[in-house]
């Protein structure tokens, strides 16, 4: 009886409380929530949201980080589209994206298919393929400077010893520098491999068993089951790959400096030069916002196209 009376009092208190009002315990938990999340909120405002809004303001000004900013309206954007190096950097970055992103998707998917097999020591091989993707970008760039060296580099040495082919100058040649950097991008596909592995292991085995009963071979199962079920993962890696490829900086900065003759002048490297070499902070901010618009447009384009090729089992049944 005492328990029933206590429950009855609690119910009366709940009914008497104004709609939407929180209990004292809920209010206390809410205060603790905002207290614990406040460092992140402050960090986001000071180090992320604040600089973003400041760069938007500076993009309409002439600003050299020493003198006060001077408002010029859209002049930075008009000058940008008349800038030959802007178009060159956009061309270089687009060529790199067109080569590196599809190559990374195809190779990481192929390696993930191999590593998804139940063979002895497969966990060791998974670790080996993933480890290069966590190495510092500067260290990788220095390593590939030696590999691509035209005089004593490992790649030209192997080409001569194995095939008697005299290799090109690679990163010191205008025609070969972008293909060289695309080839170098294979080094970091370990992250994509892990994501593809997770997707492959999420495919129901019953689908493969049913296909085998119907007499499907490996190729049919790949085209009819694996690839359609993996399209959401491919879509994710495509979007992140495009975004990442438009932010390439370390390789060009360390290995080529944008050369030879601006043949590897990536967009972010050109932005960096304007900001920290020439101290054109306003112009660099305009470059950054144009980059944001380009990446946003490409991402929205991929999202719009996803309805035609991405298969979601929960949506399509």
C-alpha atoms as a PDB file:
ATOM      1  CA  UNK A   1       0.000   0.000   0.000  1.00  0.00           C
ATOM      2  CA  UNK A   2       2.842   2.384   0.842  1.00  0.00           C
ATOM      3  CA  UNK A   3       4.402   1.787  -2.590  1.00  0.00           C
ATOM      4  CA  UNK A   4       1.083   2.431  -4.340  1.00  0.00           C
ATOM      5  CA  UNK A   5       0.614   5.648  -2.383  1.00  0.00           C
ATOM      6  CA  UNK A   6       4.115   6.828  -3.336  1.00  0.00           C
ATOM      7  CA  UNK A   7       3.498   6.061  -7.026  1.00  0.00           C
ATOM      8  CA  UNK A   8       0.207   7.934  -6.830  1.00  0.00           C
ATOM      9  CA  UNK A   9       1.941  11.023  -5.390  1.00  0.00           C
ATOM     10  CA  UNK A  10       4.582  10.926  -8.142  1.00  0.00           C
ATOM     11  CA  UNK A  11       1.881  10.717 -10.816  1.00  0.00           C
ATOM     12  CA  UNK A  12       0.046  13.683  -9.290  1.00  0.00           C
ATOM     13  CA  UNK A  13       3.292  15.701  -9.269  1.00  0.00           C
ATOM     14  CA  UNK A  14       3.909  14.870 -12.926  1.00  0.00           C
ATOM     15  CA  UNK A  15       0.363  15.858 -13.903  1.00  0.00           C
ATOM     16  CA  UNK A  16       0.627  19.089 -11.901  1.00  0.00           C
ATOM     17  CA  UNK A  17       3.913  20.083 -13.618  1.00  0.00           C
ATOM     18  CA  UNK A  18       3.475  22.554 -16.504  1.00  0.00           C
ATOM     19  CA  UNK A  19       3.784  21.011 -19.950  1.00  0.00           C
ATOM     20  CA  UNK A  20       7.349  21.267 -21.213  1.00  0.00           C
ATOM     21  CA  UNK A  21       8.822  21.888 -17.764  1.00  0.00           C
ATOM     22  CA  UNK A  22      11.804  19.792 -16.739  1.00  0.00           C
ATOM     23  CA  UNK A  23      12.216  18.014 -13.477  1.00  0.00           C
ATOM     24  CA  UNK A  24      15.018  19.231 -11.148  1.00  0.00           C
ATOM     25  CA  UNK A  25      17.111  16.191 -12.076  1.00  0.00           C
ATOM     26  CA  UNK A  26      16.614  16.809 -15.797  1.00  0.00           C
ATOM     27  CA  UNK A  27      17.585  20.482 -15.392  1.00  0.00           C
ATOM     28  CA  UNK A  28      20.685  19.454 -13.480  1.00  0.00           C
ATOM     29  CA  UNK A  29      21.635  16.967 -16.194  1.00  0.00           C
ATOM     30  CA  UNK A  30      21.065  19.677 -18.816  1.00  0.00           C
ATOM     31  CA  UNK A  31      23.408  22.070 -16.987  1.00  0.00           C
ATOM     32  CA  UNK A  32      26.080  19.376 -16.738  1.00  0.00           C
ATOM     33  CA  UNK A  33      25.658  18.616 -20.440  1.00  0.00           C
ATOM     34  CA  UNK A  34      26.353  22.206 -21.469  1.00  0.00           C
ATOM     35  CA  UNK A  35      29.164  22.436 -18.920  1.00  0.00           C
ATOM     36  CA  UNK A  36      30.977  19.416 -20.340  1.00  0.00           C
ATOM     37  CA  UNK A  37      30.378  20.368 -23.975  1.00  0.00           C
ATOM     38  CA  UNK A  38      31.405  24.009 -23.484  1.00  0.00           C
ATOM     39  CA  UNK A  39      35.142  23.415 -24.278  1.00  0.00           C
ATOM     40  CA  UNK A  40      34.172  22.025 -27.686  1.00  0.00           C
ATOM     41  CA  UNK A  41      31.699  24.858 -28.299  1.00  0.00           C
ATOM     42  CA  UNK A  42      34.304  27.486 -27.400  1.00  0.00           C
ATOM     43  CA  UNK A  43      36.934  25.751 -29.520  1.00  0.00           C
ATOM     44  CA  UNK A  44      34.560  25.565 -32.480  1.00  0.00           C
ATOM     45  CA  UNK A  45      33.661  29.255 -32.206  1.00  0.00           C
ATOM     46  CA  UNK A  46      37.254  30.460 -31.744  1.00  0.00           C
ATOM     47  CA  UNK A  47      39.152  28.105 -34.077  1.00  0.00           C
ATOM     48  CA  UNK A  48      36.575  27.130 -36.735  1.00  0.00           C
ATOM     49  CA  UNK A  49      33.481  29.328 -37.025  1.00  0.00           C
ATOM     50  CA  UNK A  50      35.386  32.533 -36.234  1.00  0.00           C
ATOM     51  CA  UNK A  51      38.109  32.058 -38.883  1.00  0.00           C
ATOM     52  CA  UNK A  52      35.511  30.993 -41.463  1.00  0.00           C
ATOM     53  CA  UNK A  53      33.503  34.174 -40.980  1.00  0.00           C
ATOM     54  CA  UNK A  54      36.700  36.255 -40.861  1.00  0.00           C
ATOM     55  CA  UNK A  55      37.878  34.782 -44.181  1.00  0.00           C
ATOM     56  CA  UNK A  56      34.518  35.620 -45.744  1.00  0.00           C
ATOM     57  CA  UNK A  57      34.929  39.228 -44.596  1.00  0.00           C
ATOM     58  CA  UNK A  58      38.555  39.418 -45.760  1.00  0.00           C
ATOM     59  CA  UNK A  59      37.610  38.071 -49.204  1.00  0.00           C
ATOM     60  CA  UNK A  60      35.925  41.447 -49.855  1.00  0.00           C
ATOM     61  CA  UNK A  61      38.967  43.397 -48.677  1.00  0.00           C
ATOM     62  CA  UNK A  62      42.575  44.089 -49.523  1.00  0.00           C
ATOM     63  CA  UNK A  63      44.409  42.837 -46.462  1.00  0.00           C
ATOM     64  CA  UNK A  64      48.102  42.106 -45.930  1.00  0.00           C
ATOM     65  CA  UNK A  65      47.934  41.116 -42.218  1.00  0.00           C
ATOM     66  CA  UNK A  66      49.802  44.337 -41.302  1.00  0.00           C
ATOM     67  CA  UNK A  67      47.655  47.229 -42.473  1.00  0.00           C
ATOM     68  CA  UNK A  68      43.941  47.387 -41.626  1.00  0.00           C
ATOM     69  CA  UNK A  69      41.705  45.706 -44.209  1.00  0.00           C
ATOM     70  CA  UNK A  70      40.392  47.973 -46.971  1.00  0.00           C
ATOM     71  CA  UNK A  71      36.986  47.194 -48.455  1.00  0.00           C
ATOM     72  CA  UNK A  72      37.026  46.552 -52.218  1.00  0.00           C
ATOM     73  CA  UNK A  73      33.810  44.590 -52.666  1.00  0.00           C
ATOM     74  CA  UNK A  74      33.969  41.939 -55.393  1.00  0.00           C
ATOM     75  CA  UNK A  75      37.313  43.116 -56.786  1.00  0.00           C
ATOM     76  CA  UNK A  76      39.197  40.082 -55.433  1.00  0.00           C
ATOM     77  CA  UNK A  77      36.757  37.723 -57.154  1.00  0.00           C
ATOM     78  CA  UNK A  78      36.924  39.634 -60.442  1.00  0.00           C
ATOM     79  CA  UNK A  79      40.723  39.632 -60.359  1.00  0.00           C
ATOM     80  CA  UNK A  80      40.709  35.953 -59.509  1.00  0.00           C
ATOM     81  CA  UNK A  81      38.865  34.964 -62.668  1.00  0.00           C
ATOM     82  CA  UNK A  82      41.319  37.028 -64.726  1.00  0.00           C
ATOM     83  CA  UNK A  83      44.289  35.330 -63.060  1.00  0.00           C
ATOM     84  CA  UNK A  84      46.133  32.877 -65.339  1.00  0.00           C
ATOM     85  CA  UNK A  85      47.630  31.000 -62.383  1.00  0.00           C
ATOM     86  CA  UNK A  86      44.179  30.522 -60.875  1.00  0.00           C
ATOM     87  CA  UNK A  87      43.051  28.661 -63.980  1.00  0.00           C
ATOM     88  CA  UNK A  88      46.323  26.736 -64.102  1.00  0.00           C
ATOM     89  CA  UNK A  89      45.956  25.618 -60.476  1.00  0.00           C
ATOM     90  CA  UNK A  90      42.343  24.623 -61.083  1.00  0.00           C
ATOM     91  CA  UNK A  91      43.368  22.660 -64.180  1.00  0.00           C
ATOM     92  CA  UNK A  92      46.169  20.845 -62.332  1.00  0.00           C
ATOM     93  CA  UNK A  93      43.902  19.950 -59.426  1.00  0.00           C
ATOM     94  CA  UNK A  94      41.122  18.754 -61.741  1.00  0.00           C
ATOM     95  CA  UNK A  95      43.520  16.520 -63.693  1.00  0.00           C
ATOM     96  CA  UNK A  96      44.812  15.049 -60.457  1.00  0.00           C
ATOM     97  CA  UNK A  97      41.261  14.430 -59.206  1.00  0.00           C
ATOM     98  CA  UNK A  98      40.214  12.811 -62.488  1.00  0.00           C
ATOM     99  CA  UNK A  99      43.140  10.388 -62.262  1.00  0.00           C
ATOM    100  CA  UNK A 100      43.666   9.736 -58.561  1.00  0.00           C
ATOM    101  CA  UNK A 101      40.061   9.302 -57.366  1.00  0.00           C
ATOM    102  CA  UNK A 102      38.943   6.587 -59.857  1.00  0.00           C
ATOM    103  CA  UNK A 103      42.305   4.824 -59.554  1.00  0.00           C
ATOM    104  CA  UNK A 104      42.063   4.793 -55.771  1.00  0.00           C
ATOM    105  CA  UNK A 105      38.482   3.506 -55.811  1.00  0.00           C
ATOM    106  CA  UNK A 106      39.223   0.678 -58.257  1.00  0.00           C
ATOM    107  CA  UNK A 107      42.454  -0.468 -56.602  1.00  0.00           C
ATOM    108  CA  UNK A 108      41.189  -0.265 -53.020  1.00  0.00           C
ATOM    109  CA  UNK A 109      38.046  -2.180 -53.987  1.00  0.00           C
ATOM    110  CA  UNK A 110      40.079  -4.864 -55.789  1.00  0.00           C
ATOM    111  CA  UNK A 111      42.485  -5.293 -52.864  1.00  0.00           C
ATOM    112  CA  UNK A 112      39.577  -5.387 -50.403  1.00  0.00           C
ATOM    113  CA  UNK A 113      38.010  -8.226 -52.413  1.00  0.00           C
ATOM    114  CA  UNK A 114      41.233 -10.200 -52.087  1.00  0.00           C
ATOM    115  CA  UNK A 115      41.660  -9.417 -48.385  1.00  0.00           C
ATOM    116  CA  UNK A 116      38.048 -10.411 -47.692  1.00  0.00           C
ATOM    117  CA  UNK A 117      38.832 -14.049 -48.377  1.00  0.00           C
ATOM    118  CA  UNK A 118      39.200 -16.443 -45.470  1.00  0.00           C
ATOM    119  CA  UNK A 119      42.856 -17.358 -45.897  1.00  0.00           C
ATOM    120  CA  UNK A 120      45.647 -17.934 -43.429  1.00  0.00           C
ATOM    121  CA  UNK A 121      47.381 -14.782 -42.209  1.00  0.00           C
ATOM    122  CA  UNK A 122      44.862 -12.439 -43.836  1.00  0.00           C
ATOM    123  CA  UNK A 123      44.878 -10.124 -40.781  1.00  0.00           C
ATOM    124  CA  UNK A 124      48.612  -9.566 -41.259  1.00  0.00           C
ATOM    125  CA  UNK A 125      48.115  -8.578 -44.881  1.00  0.00           C
ATOM    126  CA  UNK A 126      45.279  -6.226 -43.908  1.00  0.00           C
ATOM    127  CA  UNK A 127      47.604  -4.503 -41.451  1.00  0.00           C
ATOM    128  CA  UNK A 128      50.376  -4.251 -44.062  1.00  0.00           C
ATOM    129  CA  UNK A 129      48.077  -2.604 -46.602  1.00  0.00           C
ATOM    130  CA  UNK A 130      46.620  -0.202 -44.042  1.00  0.00           C
ATOM    131  CA  UNK A 131      49.827   0.986 -42.343  1.00  0.00           C
ATOM    132  CA  UNK A 132      51.109   3.242 -45.186  1.00  0.00           C
ATOM    133  CA  UNK A 133      47.984   5.402 -44.935  1.00  0.00           C
ATOM    134  CA  UNK A 134      48.861   6.533 -41.387  1.00  0.00           C
ATOM    135  CA  UNK A 135      52.403   7.687 -42.184  1.00  0.00           C
ATOM    136  CA  UNK A 136      53.069  11.431 -42.206  1.00  0.00           C
ATOM    137  CA  UNK A 137      52.579  13.135 -45.543  1.00  0.00           C
ATOM    138  CA  UNK A 138      55.975  14.832 -45.339  1.00  0.00           C
ATOM    139  CA  UNK A 139      57.737  11.514 -44.727  1.00  0.00           C
ATOM    140  CA  UNK A 140      55.926   9.929 -47.664  1.00  0.00           C
ATOM    141  CA  UNK A 141      56.826  12.878 -49.886  1.00  0.00           C
ATOM    142  CA  UNK A 142      60.509  12.578 -49.004  1.00  0.00           C
ATOM    143  CA  UNK A 143      60.385   8.846 -49.691  1.00  0.00           C
ATOM    144  CA  UNK A 144      58.854   9.347 -53.137  1.00  0.00           C
ATOM    145  CA  UNK A 145      61.326  12.086 -53.983  1.00  0.00           C
ATOM    146  CA  UNK A 146      63.946   9.354 -53.817  1.00  0.00           C
ATOM    147  CA  UNK A 147      61.780   6.807 -55.658  1.00  0.00           C
ATOM    148  CA  UNK A 148      61.092   9.263 -58.516  1.00  0.00           C
ATOM    149  CA  UNK A 149      64.637  10.610 -58.748  1.00  0.00           C
ATOM    150  CA  UNK A 150      65.708  10.430 -62.394  1.00  0.00           C
ATOM    151  CA  UNK A 151      69.380   9.669 -61.650  1.00  0.00           C
ATOM    152  CA  UNK A 152      69.398   7.214 -58.736  1.00  0.00           C
ATOM    153  CA  UNK A 153      65.728   6.643 -57.977  1.00  0.00           C
ATOM    154  CA  UNK A 154      64.346   3.183 -57.283  1.00  0.00           C
ATOM    155  CA  UNK A 155      61.678   3.321 -59.987  1.00  0.00           C
ATOM    156  CA  UNK A 156      64.045   4.136 -62.852  1.00  0.00           C
ATOM    157  CA  UNK A 157      66.526   1.585 -61.517  1.00  0.00           C
ATOM    158  CA  UNK A 158      63.907  -1.184 -61.645  1.00  0.00           C
ATOM    159  CA  UNK A 159      62.695  -0.101 -65.089  1.00  0.00           C
ATOM    160  CA  UNK A 160      66.224  -0.363 -66.441  1.00  0.00           C
ATOM    161  CA  UNK A 161      67.169  -3.586 -64.670  1.00  0.00           C
ATOM    162  CA  UNK A 162      63.951  -5.484 -65.407  1.00  0.00           C
ATOM    163  CA  UNK A 163      62.827  -4.078 -68.774  1.00  0.00           C
ATOM    164  CA  UNK A 164      65.823  -2.086 -70.079  1.00  0.00           C
ATOM    165  CA  UNK A 165      63.605   1.011 -70.219  1.00  0.00           C
ATOM    166  CA  UNK A 166      65.137   4.375 -69.465  1.00  0.00           C
ATOM    167  CA  UNK A 167      62.600   6.085 -67.243  1.00  0.00           C
ATOM    168  CA  UNK A 168      61.593   9.746 -67.521  1.00  0.00           C
ATOM    169  CA  UNK A 169      62.461  12.527 -65.092  1.00  0.00           C
ATOM    170  CA  UNK A 170      59.085  11.955 -63.358  1.00  0.00           C
ATOM    171  CA  UNK A 171      58.443  14.877 -60.974  1.00  0.00           C
ATOM    172  CA  UNK A 172      61.001  17.073 -62.767  1.00  0.00           C
ATOM    173  CA  UNK A 173      59.191  16.709 -66.093  1.00  0.00           C
ATOM    174  CA  UNK A 174      56.140  18.826 -66.969  1.00  0.00           C
ATOM    175  CA  UNK A 175      54.370  15.954 -68.712  1.00  0.00           C
ATOM    176  CA  UNK A 176      55.083  13.353 -66.028  1.00  0.00           C
ATOM    177  CA  UNK A 177      54.728  15.265 -62.778  1.00  0.00           C
ATOM    178  CA  UNK A 178      50.928  14.864 -62.424  1.00  0.00           C
ATOM    179  CA  UNK A 179      50.959  11.162 -63.464  1.00  0.00           C
ATOM    180  CA  UNK A 180      53.765  10.686 -60.916  1.00  0.00           C
ATOM    181  CA  UNK A 181      51.711  12.237 -58.124  1.00  0.00           C
ATOM    182  CA  UNK A 182      48.676  10.180 -59.169  1.00  0.00           C
ATOM    183  CA  UNK A 183      50.831   7.058 -58.978  1.00  0.00           C
ATOM    184  CA  UNK A 184      52.048   8.193 -55.566  1.00  0.00           C
ATOM    185  CA  UNK A 185      48.439   8.499 -54.336  1.00  0.00           C
ATOM    186  CA  UNK A 186      48.155   4.696 -54.413  1.00  0.00           C
ATOM    187  CA  UNK A 187      50.329   4.678 -51.295  1.00  0.00           C
ATOM    188  CA  UNK A 188      47.446   6.005 -49.181  1.00  0.00           C
ATOM    189  CA  UNK A 189      44.574   3.754 -50.272  1.00  0.00           C
ATOM    190  CA  UNK A 190      44.712   1.733 -47.033  1.00  0.00           C
ATOM    191  CA  UNK A 191      41.939   3.763 -45.455  1.00  0.00           C
ATOM    192  CA  UNK A 192      39.630   3.050 -48.373  1.00  0.00           C
ATOM    193  CA  UNK A 193      40.518  -0.646 -48.237  1.00  0.00           C
ATOM    194  CA  UNK A 194      39.393  -0.858 -44.612  1.00  0.00           C
ATOM    195  CA  UNK A 195      36.082   0.847 -45.441  1.00  0.00           C
ATOM    196  CA  UNK A 196      35.487  -1.513 -48.369  1.00  0.00           C
ATOM    197  CA  UNK A 197      36.306  -4.501 -46.167  1.00  0.00           C
ATOM    198  CA  UNK A 198      33.698  -3.389 -43.653  1.00  0.00           C
ATOM    199  CA  UNK A 199      31.156  -3.052 -46.456  1.00  0.00           C
ATOM    200  CA  UNK A 200      31.994  -6.461 -47.929  1.00  0.00           C
ATOM    201  CA  UNK A 201      31.623  -8.170 -44.582  1.00  0.00           C
ATOM    202  CA  UNK A 202      28.201  -6.559 -44.162  1.00  0.00           C
ATOM    203  CA  UNK A 203      26.776  -8.254 -47.273  1.00  0.00           C
ATOM    204  CA  UNK A 204      24.475 -11.142 -46.216  1.00  0.00           C
ATOM    205  CA  UNK A 205      26.025 -14.513 -47.070  1.00  0.00           C
ATOM    206  CA  UNK A 206      22.547 -15.835 -47.899  1.00  0.00           C
ATOM    207  CA  UNK A 207      22.659 -13.846 -51.142  1.00  0.00           C
ATOM    208  CA  UNK A 208      25.808 -15.646 -52.283  1.00  0.00           C
ATOM    209  CA  UNK A 209      24.436 -19.022 -51.225  1.00  0.00           C
ATOM    210  CA  UNK A 210      21.238 -18.463 -53.197  1.00  0.00           C
ATOM    211  CA  UNK A 211      23.267 -17.369 -56.233  1.00  0.00           C
ATOM    212  CA  UNK A 212      25.448 -20.483 -56.028  1.00  0.00           C
ATOM    213  CA  UNK A 213      22.349 -22.671 -55.924  1.00  0.00           C
ATOM    214  CA  UNK A 214      21.189 -20.945 -59.122  1.00  0.00           C
ATOM    215  CA  UNK A 215      24.570 -21.728 -60.717  1.00  0.00           C
ATOM    216  CA  UNK A 216      26.091 -18.231 -60.680  1.00  0.00           C
ATOM    217  CA  UNK A 217      29.861 -18.013 -61.114  1.00  0.00           C
ATOM    218  CA  UNK A 218      32.275 -15.622 -59.382  1.00  0.00           C
ATOM    219  CA  UNK A 219      31.902 -12.930 -62.018  1.00  0.00           C
ATOM    220  CA  UNK A 220      28.107 -13.012 -61.909  1.00  0.00           C
ATOM    221  CA  UNK A 221      28.099 -12.766 -58.116  1.00  0.00           C
ATOM    222  CA  UNK A 222      30.466  -9.803 -58.321  1.00  0.00           C
ATOM    223  CA  UNK A 223      28.299  -7.917 -60.832  1.00  0.00           C
ATOM    224  CA  UNK A 224      24.878  -8.888 -59.492  1.00  0.00           C
ATOM    225  CA  UNK A 225      25.459  -8.940 -55.727  1.00  0.00           C
ATOM    226  CA  UNK A 226      28.761  -7.462 -54.564  1.00  0.00           C
ATOM    227  CA  UNK A 227      28.889  -4.265 -56.594  1.00  0.00           C
ATOM    228  CA  UNK A 228      25.210  -3.281 -56.109  1.00  0.00           C
ATOM    229  CA  UNK A 229      25.456  -3.900 -52.365  1.00  0.00           C
ATOM    230  CA  UNK A 230      28.717  -1.937 -52.209  1.00  0.00           C
ATOM    231  CA  UNK A 231      27.460   1.141 -54.047  1.00  0.00           C
ATOM    232  CA  UNK A 232      26.754   3.094 -50.799  1.00  0.00           C
ATOM    233  CA  UNK A 233      30.374   2.492 -49.738  1.00  0.00           C
ATOM    234  CA  UNK A 234      31.656   3.445 -53.200  1.00  0.00           C
ATOM    235  CA  UNK A 235      29.514   6.574 -53.020  1.00  0.00           C
ATOM    236  CA  UNK A 236      31.027   7.521 -49.646  1.00  0.00           C
ATOM    237  CA  UNK A 237      34.595   6.977 -50.854  1.00  0.00           C
ATOM    238  CA  UNK A 238      33.873   8.904 -54.055  1.00  0.00           C
ATOM    239  CA  UNK A 239      32.650  11.960 -52.158  1.00  0.00           C
ATOM    240  CA  UNK A 240      35.500  11.923 -49.622  1.00  0.00           C
ATOM    241  CA  UNK A 241      38.013  11.244 -52.401  1.00  0.00           C
ATOM    242  CA  UNK A 242      36.889  14.270 -54.425  1.00  0.00           C
ATOM    243  CA  UNK A 243      37.007  16.511 -51.363  1.00  0.00           C
ATOM    244  CA  UNK A 244      40.453  15.227 -50.384  1.00  0.00           C
ATOM    245  CA  UNK A 245      41.909  15.527 -53.887  1.00  0.00           C
ATOM    246  CA  UNK A 246      40.971  19.204 -54.084  1.00  0.00           C
ATOM    247  CA  UNK A 247      42.903  19.785 -50.857  1.00  0.00           C
ATOM    248  CA  UNK A 248      46.235  18.312 -52.006  1.00  0.00           C
ATOM    249  CA  UNK A 249      49.081  20.433 -50.686  1.00  0.00           C
ATOM    250  CA  UNK A 250      51.890  18.536 -48.939  1.00  0.00           C
ATOM    251  CA  UNK A 251      53.112  16.551 -51.947  1.00  0.00           C
ATOM    252  CA  UNK A 252      53.436  19.585 -54.200  1.00  0.00           C
ATOM    253  CA  UNK A 253      54.860  21.810 -51.453  1.00  0.00           C
ATOM    254  CA  UNK A 254      57.574  19.327 -50.416  1.00  0.00           C
ATOM    255  CA  UNK A 255      58.368  17.559 -53.678  1.00  0.00           C
ATOM    256  CA  UNK A 256      57.966  20.055 -56.515  1.00  0.00           C
ATOM    257  CA  UNK A 257      57.127  23.483 -55.100  1.00  0.00           C
ATOM    258  CA  UNK A 258      54.519  23.753 -57.848  1.00  0.00           C
ATOM    259  CA  UNK A 259      57.014  23.166 -60.647  1.00  0.00           C
ATOM    260  CA  UNK A 260      58.338  22.582 -63.126  1.00  0.00           C
ATOM    261  CA  UNK A 261      56.868  25.715 -64.719  1.00  0.00           C
ATOM    262  CA  UNK A 262      53.704  25.522 -62.571  1.00  0.00           C
ATOM    263  CA  UNK A 263      52.896  22.057 -63.912  1.00  0.00           C
ATOM    264  CA  UNK A 264      52.097  20.888 -60.356  1.00  0.00           C
ATOM    265  CA  UNK A 265      50.673  24.138 -59.018  1.00  0.00           C
ATOM    266  CA  UNK A 266      47.795  22.699 -57.035  1.00  0.00           C
ATOM    267  CA  UNK A 267      44.956  24.968 -55.978  1.00  0.00           C
ATOM    268  CA  UNK A 268      45.697  24.905 -52.247  1.00  0.00           C
ATOM    269  CA  UNK A 269      49.401  25.500 -52.908  1.00  0.00           C
ATOM    270  CA  UNK A 270      48.524  28.606 -54.921  1.00  0.00           C
ATOM    271  CA  UNK A 271      46.220  29.718 -52.121  1.00  0.00           C
ATOM    272  CA  UNK A 272      49.036  29.205 -49.611  1.00  0.00           C
ATOM    273  CA  UNK A 273      51.452  31.240 -51.721  1.00  0.00           C
ATOM    274  CA  UNK A 274      49.078  34.181 -51.910  1.00  0.00           C
ATOM    275  CA  UNK A 275      48.406  34.090 -48.181  1.00  0.00           C
ATOM    276  CA  UNK A 276      51.882  33.474 -46.735  1.00  0.00           C
ATOM    277  CA  UNK A 277      54.345  34.361 -49.508  1.00  0.00           C
ATOM    278  CA  UNK A 278      52.724  37.483 -50.943  1.00  0.00           C
ATOM    279  CA  UNK A 279      50.568  38.306 -47.873  1.00  0.00           C
ATOM    280  CA  UNK A 280      47.487  38.809 -50.050  1.00  0.00           C
ATOM    281  CA  UNK A 281      45.143  37.597 -47.343  1.00  0.00           C
ATOM    282  CA  UNK A 282      42.055  39.016 -48.986  1.00  0.00           C
ATOM    283  CA  UNK A 283      42.865  37.409 -52.329  1.00  0.00           C
ATOM    284  CA  UNK A 284      43.677  34.096 -50.638  1.00  0.00           C
ATOM    285  CA  UNK A 285      40.352  34.234 -48.776  1.00  0.00           C
ATOM    286  CA  UNK A 286      38.552  34.705 -52.090  1.00  0.00           C
ATOM    287  CA  UNK A 287      40.424  31.671 -53.453  1.00  0.00           C
ATOM    288  CA  UNK A 288      39.329  29.665 -50.412  1.00  0.00           C
ATOM    289  CA  UNK A 289      35.665  30.538 -50.881  1.00  0.00           C
ATOM    290  CA  UNK A 290      35.774  29.712 -54.576  1.00  0.00           C
ATOM    291  CA  UNK A 291      37.314  26.356 -53.648  1.00  0.00           C
ATOM    292  CA  UNK A 292      34.476  25.826 -51.184  1.00  0.00           C
ATOM    293  CA  UNK A 293      31.933  26.582 -53.921  1.00  0.00           C
ATOM    294  CA  UNK A 294      33.625  24.180 -56.370  1.00  0.00           C
ATOM    295  CA  UNK A 295      33.793  21.325 -53.866  1.00  0.00           C
ATOM    296  CA  UNK A 296      30.208  21.962 -52.778  1.00  0.00           C
ATOM    297  CA  UNK A 297      29.003  21.919 -56.394  1.00  0.00           C
ATOM    298  CA  UNK A 298      30.832  18.662 -57.156  1.00  0.00           C
ATOM    299  CA  UNK A 299      29.540  17.056 -53.977  1.00  0.00           C
ATOM    300  CA  UNK A 300      25.953  18.076 -54.752  1.00  0.00           C
ATOM    301  CA  UNK A 301      26.383  16.745 -58.295  1.00  0.00           C
ATOM    302  CA  UNK A 302      27.505  13.359 -56.965  1.00  0.00           C
ATOM    303  CA  UNK A 303      24.601  13.339 -54.504  1.00  0.00           C
ATOM    304  CA  UNK A 304      22.140  14.137 -57.298  1.00  0.00           C
ATOM    305  CA  UNK A 305      23.524  11.300 -59.421  1.00  0.00           C
ATOM    306  CA  UNK A 306      23.402   8.793 -56.555  1.00  0.00           C
ATOM    307  CA  UNK A 307      19.711   8.012 -57.127  1.00  0.00           C
ATOM    308  CA  UNK A 308      20.643   6.465 -60.481  1.00  0.00           C
ATOM    309  CA  UNK A 309      23.398   4.120 -59.295  1.00  0.00           C
ATOM    310  CA  UNK A 310      23.479   3.804 -55.499  1.00  0.00           C
ATOM    311  CA  UNK A 311      21.431   0.903 -54.112  1.00  0.00           C
ATOM    312  CA  UNK A 312      19.958   1.191 -50.629  1.00  0.00           C
ATOM    313  CA  UNK A 313      18.333  -2.055 -49.553  1.00  0.00           C
ATOM    314  CA  UNK A 314      16.174  -0.383 -46.896  1.00  0.00           C
ATOM    315  CA  UNK A 315      14.755   2.054 -49.454  1.00  0.00           C
ATOM    316  CA  UNK A 316      14.314  -0.170 -52.481  1.00  0.00           C
ATOM    317  CA  UNK A 317      13.418  -3.331 -50.613  1.00  0.00           C
END
